[in-house]
């Protein structure tokens, strides 16, 4: 079953901006391992708190990504930049609704009174 993994990162003191950049750099790696979507959110209330989300079709694909050489190196390289342990959570996707943005259209002018009478 498809799922989304939430990875709660919490940056260490004075490293939130640099850690945000590092997370942005590592985000595309999940796509190479089969993720259909990746999002990383930074809290506005607590700038040290990040929620990294990856959507995968299977848990096995997720585990290949998380245990990949790239992610092992990422966690090792930045280990002093975030609090440990990092306890991710796999969640099954049971519903998803998406709204497509609509193109802006100019409002058509209202018909003139004489046009309404002719109809």
N, C-alpha and C. Protein backbone atom coordinates (compact mmCIF):
# COMPACT_ATOMS: atom_id res chain seq x y z
N UNK A 1 0.84 -1.18 0.00
CA UNK A 1 0.00 0.00 0.00
C UNK A 1 0.89 1.24 0.00
N UNK A 2 0.50 2.21 -0.77
CA UNK A 2 1.25 3.47 -0.84
C UNK A 2 1.24 4.16 0.52
N UNK A 3 2.31 4.87 0.77
CA UNK A 3 2.39 5.56 2.04
C UNK A 3 3.24 6.81 1.95
N UNK A 4 3.17 7.57 3.01
CA UNK A 4 3.99 8.77 3.15
C UNK A 4 4.77 8.63 4.44
N UNK A 5 6.04 8.95 4.37
CA UNK A 5 6.90 8.87 5.54
C UNK A 5 7.15 10.29 6.03
N UNK A 6 6.93 10.50 7.32
CA UNK A 6 7.21 11.78 7.95
C UNK A 6 8.51 11.62 8.74
N UNK A 7 9.47 12.47 8.43
CA UNK A 7 10.75 12.46 9.13
C UNK A 7 10.85 13.78 9.90
N UNK A 8 10.77 13.73 11.21
CA UNK A 8 10.84 14.96 12.00
C UNK A 8 12.29 15.32 12.33
N UNK A 9 12.82 16.29 11.62
CA UNK A 9 14.17 16.77 11.90
C UNK A 9 14.07 17.95 12.86
N UNK A 10 15.03 18.06 13.75
CA UNK A 10 15.10 19.23 14.63
C UNK A 10 16.55 19.71 14.65
N UNK A 11 16.78 20.87 14.06
CA UNK A 11 18.15 21.40 13.92
C UNK A 11 18.71 21.82 15.27
N UNK A 12 20.02 21.74 15.38
CA UNK A 12 20.69 22.19 16.60
C UNK A 12 20.90 23.70 16.54
N UNK A 13 21.25 24.26 17.67
CA UNK A 13 21.34 25.71 17.85
C UNK A 13 22.19 26.39 16.77
N UNK A 14 21.63 27.43 16.17
CA UNK A 14 22.27 28.28 15.16
C UNK A 14 22.56 27.56 13.84
N UNK A 15 22.00 26.37 13.63
CA UNK A 15 22.25 25.65 12.38
C UNK A 15 21.00 25.50 11.53
N UNK A 16 19.90 26.11 11.92
CA UNK A 16 18.65 25.89 11.20
C UNK A 16 18.72 26.35 9.75
N UNK A 17 19.32 27.47 9.45
CA UNK A 17 19.38 27.95 8.06
C UNK A 17 20.25 27.05 7.20
N UNK A 18 21.40 26.66 7.72
CA UNK A 18 22.28 25.78 6.95
C UNK A 18 21.69 24.38 6.81
N UNK A 19 21.01 23.92 7.86
CA UNK A 19 20.38 22.60 7.77
C UNK A 19 19.22 22.63 6.77
N UNK A 20 18.49 23.73 6.70
CA UNK A 20 17.42 23.88 5.70
C UNK A 20 17.99 23.73 4.29
N UNK A 21 19.13 24.35 4.04
CA UNK A 21 19.78 24.22 2.73
C UNK A 21 20.20 22.78 2.46
N UNK A 22 20.75 22.10 3.46
CA UNK A 22 21.17 20.71 3.30
C UNK A 22 19.97 19.82 2.99
N UNK A 23 18.85 20.04 3.66
CA UNK A 23 17.64 19.25 3.39
C UNK A 23 17.14 19.49 1.96
N UNK A 24 17.20 20.72 1.50
CA UNK A 24 16.79 21.02 0.13
C UNK A 24 17.69 20.30 -0.87
N UNK A 25 18.97 20.21 -0.57
CA UNK A 25 19.91 19.52 -1.47
C UNK A 25 19.66 18.02 -1.52
N UNK A 26 19.28 17.42 -0.39
CA UNK A 26 19.09 15.97 -0.34
C UNK A 26 17.70 15.55 -0.83
N UNK A 27 16.76 16.45 -0.90
CA UNK A 27 15.37 16.11 -1.25
C UNK A 27 15.24 15.34 -2.57
N UNK A 28 15.91 15.71 -3.66
CA UNK A 28 15.72 15.01 -4.93
C UNK A 28 16.18 13.55 -4.93
N UNK A 29 17.00 13.16 -3.98
CA UNK A 29 17.49 11.78 -3.94
C UNK A 29 16.33 10.80 -3.80
N UNK A 30 15.32 11.14 -3.04
CA UNK A 30 14.18 10.24 -2.84
C UNK A 30 13.49 9.92 -4.17
N UNK A 31 13.44 10.88 -5.06
CA UNK A 31 12.81 10.66 -6.37
C UNK A 31 13.55 9.56 -7.13
N UNK A 32 14.87 9.55 -7.05
CA UNK A 32 15.67 8.52 -7.72
C UNK A 32 15.40 7.13 -7.17
N UNK A 33 14.90 7.05 -5.94
CA UNK A 33 14.59 5.76 -5.32
C UNK A 33 13.10 5.42 -5.40
N UNK A 34 12.36 6.17 -6.19
CA UNK A 34 10.96 5.82 -6.44
C UNK A 34 9.92 6.65 -5.74
N UNK A 35 10.31 7.68 -5.03
CA UNK A 35 9.31 8.54 -4.39
C UNK A 35 8.52 9.28 -5.47
N UNK A 36 7.23 9.41 -5.25
CA UNK A 36 6.41 10.15 -6.21
C UNK A 36 6.32 11.63 -5.84
N UNK A 37 6.65 11.95 -4.60
CA UNK A 37 6.59 13.34 -4.15
C UNK A 37 7.47 13.49 -2.92
N UNK A 38 8.06 14.66 -2.78
CA UNK A 38 8.86 14.99 -1.60
C UNK A 38 8.49 16.41 -1.19
N UNK A 39 8.26 16.61 0.09
CA UNK A 39 8.04 17.96 0.62
C UNK A 39 8.84 18.10 1.90
N UNK A 40 9.37 19.28 2.10
CA UNK A 40 10.04 19.59 3.35
C UNK A 40 9.45 20.91 3.86
N UNK A 41 8.92 20.86 5.06
CA UNK A 41 8.30 22.05 5.65
C UNK A 41 9.14 22.51 6.83
N UNK A 42 9.25 23.83 6.98
CA UNK A 42 9.92 24.42 8.13
C UNK A 42 8.87 25.20 8.91
N UNK A 43 8.81 24.94 10.20
CA UNK A 43 7.83 25.59 11.06
C UNK A 43 8.07 27.09 11.13
N UNK A 44 7.02 27.86 11.08
CA UNK A 44 7.15 29.31 11.27
C UNK A 44 7.23 29.67 12.75
N UNK A 45 6.66 28.81 13.60
CA UNK A 45 6.71 29.06 15.04
C UNK A 45 8.03 28.65 15.66
N UNK A 46 8.66 27.63 15.10
CA UNK A 46 9.92 27.11 15.62
C UNK A 46 10.82 26.84 14.42
N UNK A 47 11.69 27.77 14.07
CA UNK A 47 12.49 27.70 12.84
C UNK A 47 13.50 26.54 12.85
N UNK A 48 13.64 25.85 13.96
CA UNK A 48 14.54 24.70 14.05
C UNK A 48 13.84 23.39 13.72
N UNK A 49 12.54 23.43 13.58
CA UNK A 49 11.73 22.23 13.36
C UNK A 49 11.40 22.06 11.87
N UNK A 50 11.68 20.85 11.35
CA UNK A 50 11.41 20.53 9.95
C UNK A 50 10.60 19.25 9.86
N UNK A 51 9.70 19.19 8.91
CA UNK A 51 8.96 17.96 8.64
C UNK A 51 9.26 17.59 7.19
N UNK A 52 9.96 16.49 7.02
CA UNK A 52 10.38 15.98 5.70
C UNK A 52 9.43 14.85 5.35
N UNK A 53 8.74 14.95 4.22
CA UNK A 53 7.76 13.95 3.82
C UNK A 53 8.11 13.39 2.46
N UNK A 54 8.03 12.06 2.36
CA UNK A 54 8.31 11.36 1.10
C UNK A 54 7.19 10.36 0.84
N UNK A 55 6.62 10.40 -0.34
CA UNK A 55 5.56 9.48 -0.75
C UNK A 55 6.18 8.34 -1.56
N UNK A 56 5.93 7.10 -1.14
CA UNK A 56 6.43 5.92 -1.83
C UNK A 56 5.29 4.93 -2.06
N UNK A 57 5.42 4.13 -3.13
CA UNK A 57 4.42 3.09 -3.41
C UNK A 57 4.56 1.90 -2.48
N UNK A 58 5.75 1.69 -1.93
CA UNK A 58 5.96 0.55 -1.04
C UNK A 58 6.94 0.91 0.06
N UNK A 59 6.81 0.20 1.14
CA UNK A 59 7.73 0.42 2.25
C UNK A 59 9.15 -0.02 1.88
N UNK A 60 9.25 -1.05 1.04
CA UNK A 60 10.57 -1.52 0.60
C UNK A 60 11.32 -0.43 -0.16
N UNK A 61 10.60 0.33 -1.01
CA UNK A 61 11.23 1.43 -1.75
C UNK A 61 11.71 2.50 -0.78
N UNK A 62 10.89 2.79 0.23
CA UNK A 62 11.30 3.75 1.25
C UNK A 62 12.57 3.29 1.93
N UNK A 63 12.63 2.05 2.34
CA UNK A 63 13.79 1.54 3.07
C UNK A 63 15.05 1.55 2.20
N UNK A 64 14.90 1.28 0.89
CA UNK A 64 16.05 1.39 -0.02
C UNK A 64 16.59 2.82 -0.02
N UNK A 65 15.68 3.79 -0.03
CA UNK A 65 16.10 5.19 0.01
C UNK A 65 16.77 5.52 1.35
N UNK A 66 16.13 5.22 2.46
CA UNK A 66 16.61 5.60 3.78
C UNK A 66 17.96 4.96 4.10
N UNK A 67 18.17 3.73 3.62
CA UNK A 67 19.42 3.01 3.86
C UNK A 67 20.41 3.13 2.71
N UNK A 68 20.13 4.01 1.76
CA UNK A 68 21.03 4.20 0.62
C UNK A 68 22.33 4.86 1.07
N UNK A 69 23.38 4.68 0.26
CA UNK A 69 24.66 5.31 0.58
C UNK A 69 24.53 6.82 0.72
N UNK A 70 23.69 7.42 -0.14
CA UNK A 70 23.53 8.89 -0.11
C UNK A 70 22.93 9.36 1.22
N UNK A 71 21.90 8.65 1.70
CA UNK A 71 21.26 9.07 2.95
C UNK A 71 22.11 8.73 4.16
N UNK A 72 22.85 7.64 4.09
CA UNK A 72 23.77 7.32 5.20
C UNK A 72 24.84 8.40 5.29
N UNK A 73 25.39 8.82 4.14
CA UNK A 73 26.39 9.89 4.15
C UNK A 73 25.78 11.21 4.62
N UNK A 74 24.54 11.51 4.20
CA UNK A 74 23.87 12.73 4.64
C UNK A 74 23.74 12.75 6.16
N UNK A 75 23.23 11.66 6.72
CA UNK A 75 23.04 11.62 8.17
C UNK A 75 24.37 11.70 8.90
N UNK A 76 25.40 11.08 8.36
CA UNK A 76 26.72 11.14 9.01
C UNK A 76 27.32 12.54 8.90
N UNK A 77 27.24 13.13 7.72
CA UNK A 77 27.85 14.45 7.50
C UNK A 77 27.21 15.53 8.37
N UNK A 78 25.89 15.47 8.49
CA UNK A 78 25.17 16.52 9.22
C UNK A 78 24.73 16.08 10.62
N UNK A 79 25.33 15.03 11.15
CA UNK A 79 24.90 14.48 12.43
C UNK A 79 24.96 15.49 13.58
N UNK A 80 25.83 16.46 13.52
CA UNK A 80 25.88 17.49 14.55
C UNK A 80 24.93 18.64 14.30
N UNK A 81 24.22 18.59 13.20
CA UNK A 81 23.32 19.68 12.81
C UNK A 81 21.87 19.41 13.18
N UNK A 82 21.55 18.20 13.64
CA UNK A 82 20.18 17.87 14.02
C UNK A 82 20.22 16.99 15.26
N UNK A 83 19.10 16.99 15.97
CA UNK A 83 19.01 16.19 17.18
C UNK A 83 18.70 14.74 16.83
N UNK A 84 19.30 13.83 17.58
CA UNK A 84 19.05 12.41 17.39
C UNK A 84 18.34 11.88 18.63
N UNK A 85 17.59 10.82 18.51
CA UNK A 85 17.40 10.01 17.31
C UNK A 85 16.38 10.65 16.37
N UNK A 86 16.47 10.26 15.11
CA UNK A 86 15.48 10.67 14.11
C UNK A 86 14.53 9.49 13.96
N UNK A 87 13.31 9.66 14.40
CA UNK A 87 12.33 8.57 14.38
C UNK A 87 11.26 8.87 13.34
N UNK A 88 11.44 8.30 12.16
CA UNK A 88 10.46 8.52 11.09
C UNK A 88 9.21 7.69 11.34
N UNK A 89 8.12 8.07 10.68
CA UNK A 89 6.84 7.37 10.81
C UNK A 89 6.29 7.09 9.43
N UNK A 90 6.03 5.81 9.13
CA UNK A 90 5.36 5.41 7.89
C UNK A 90 3.87 5.51 8.12
N UNK A 91 3.17 6.20 7.21
CA UNK A 91 1.72 6.32 7.31
C UNK A 91 1.11 5.90 5.98
N UNK A 92 0.05 5.06 6.05
CA UNK A 92 -0.66 4.66 4.85
C UNK A 92 -1.50 5.82 4.35
N UNK A 93 -1.49 6.02 3.05
CA UNK A 93 -2.33 7.05 2.44
C UNK A 93 -3.71 6.41 2.22
N UNK A 94 -4.72 6.93 2.90
CA UNK A 94 -6.06 6.37 2.74
C UNK A 94 -6.99 7.28 1.94
N UNK A 95 -6.61 8.52 1.76
CA UNK A 95 -7.38 9.44 0.93
C UNK A 95 -6.48 10.60 0.53
N UNK A 96 -6.70 11.10 -0.66
CA UNK A 96 -5.95 12.27 -1.12
C UNK A 96 -6.83 13.04 -2.09
N UNK A 97 -7.00 14.30 -1.82
CA UNK A 97 -7.80 15.17 -2.68
C UNK A 97 -6.91 16.34 -3.04
N UNK A 98 -6.87 16.64 -4.31
CA UNK A 98 -6.01 17.71 -4.76
C UNK A 98 -6.85 18.66 -5.63
N UNK A 99 -6.63 19.93 -5.45
CA UNK A 99 -7.33 20.94 -6.23
C UNK A 99 -6.35 21.50 -7.25
N UNK A 100 -6.72 21.44 -8.50
CA UNK A 100 -5.88 22.01 -9.55
C UNK A 100 -6.11 23.52 -9.60
N UNK A 101 -5.04 24.29 -9.67
CA UNK A 101 -5.23 25.74 -9.78
C UNK A 101 -5.91 26.08 -11.10
N UNK A 102 -6.85 26.97 -11.04
CA UNK A 102 -7.57 27.37 -12.25
C UNK A 102 -6.91 28.60 -12.84
N UNK A 103 -6.86 28.61 -14.17
CA UNK A 103 -6.30 29.77 -14.86
C UNK A 103 -7.22 30.96 -14.64
N UNK A 104 -6.61 32.10 -14.47
CA UNK A 104 -7.41 33.31 -14.29
C UNK A 104 -8.08 33.67 -15.61
N UNK A 105 -9.36 33.92 -15.55
CA UNK A 105 -10.10 34.33 -16.75
C UNK A 105 -10.73 35.68 -16.47
N UNK A 106 -10.75 36.49 -17.49
CA UNK A 106 -11.38 37.79 -17.36
C UNK A 106 -12.89 37.58 -17.31
N UNK A 107 -13.54 38.26 -16.42
CA UNK A 107 -15.00 38.15 -16.31
C UNK A 107 -15.64 38.74 -17.56
N UNK A 108 -16.57 37.99 -18.11
CA UNK A 108 -17.27 38.48 -19.31
C UNK A 108 -18.19 39.62 -18.88
N UNK A 109 -18.25 40.67 -19.70
CA UNK A 109 -19.14 41.79 -19.35
C UNK A 109 -20.60 41.35 -19.37
N UNK A 110 -21.39 41.93 -18.50
CA UNK A 110 -22.82 41.62 -18.46
C UNK A 110 -23.47 42.11 -19.75
N UNK A 111 -24.45 41.34 -20.27
CA UNK A 111 -25.11 41.78 -21.51
C UNK A 111 -25.87 43.08 -21.28
N UNK A 112 -25.90 43.88 -22.32
CA UNK A 112 -26.64 45.16 -22.25
C UNK A 112 -28.12 44.86 -22.17
N UNK A 113 -28.89 45.81 -21.64
CA UNK A 113 -30.33 45.64 -21.48
C UNK A 113 -31.01 45.34 -22.80
N UNK A 114 -30.56 45.96 -23.91
CA UNK A 114 -31.21 45.72 -25.20
C UNK A 114 -30.94 44.31 -25.70
N UNK A 115 -29.77 43.72 -25.36
CA UNK A 115 -29.46 42.36 -25.76
C UNK A 115 -30.33 41.36 -25.01
N UNK A 116 -30.61 41.64 -23.70
CA UNK A 116 -31.44 40.75 -22.90
C UNK A 116 -32.85 40.73 -23.44
N UNK A 117 -33.35 41.86 -23.85
CA UNK A 117 -34.73 41.95 -24.37
C UNK A 117 -34.85 41.22 -25.69
N UNK A 118 -33.81 41.23 -26.52
CA UNK A 118 -33.86 40.57 -27.82
C UNK A 118 -33.84 39.06 -27.67
N UNK A 119 -33.32 38.55 -26.60
CA UNK A 119 -33.21 37.09 -26.43
C UNK A 119 -34.47 36.47 -26.03
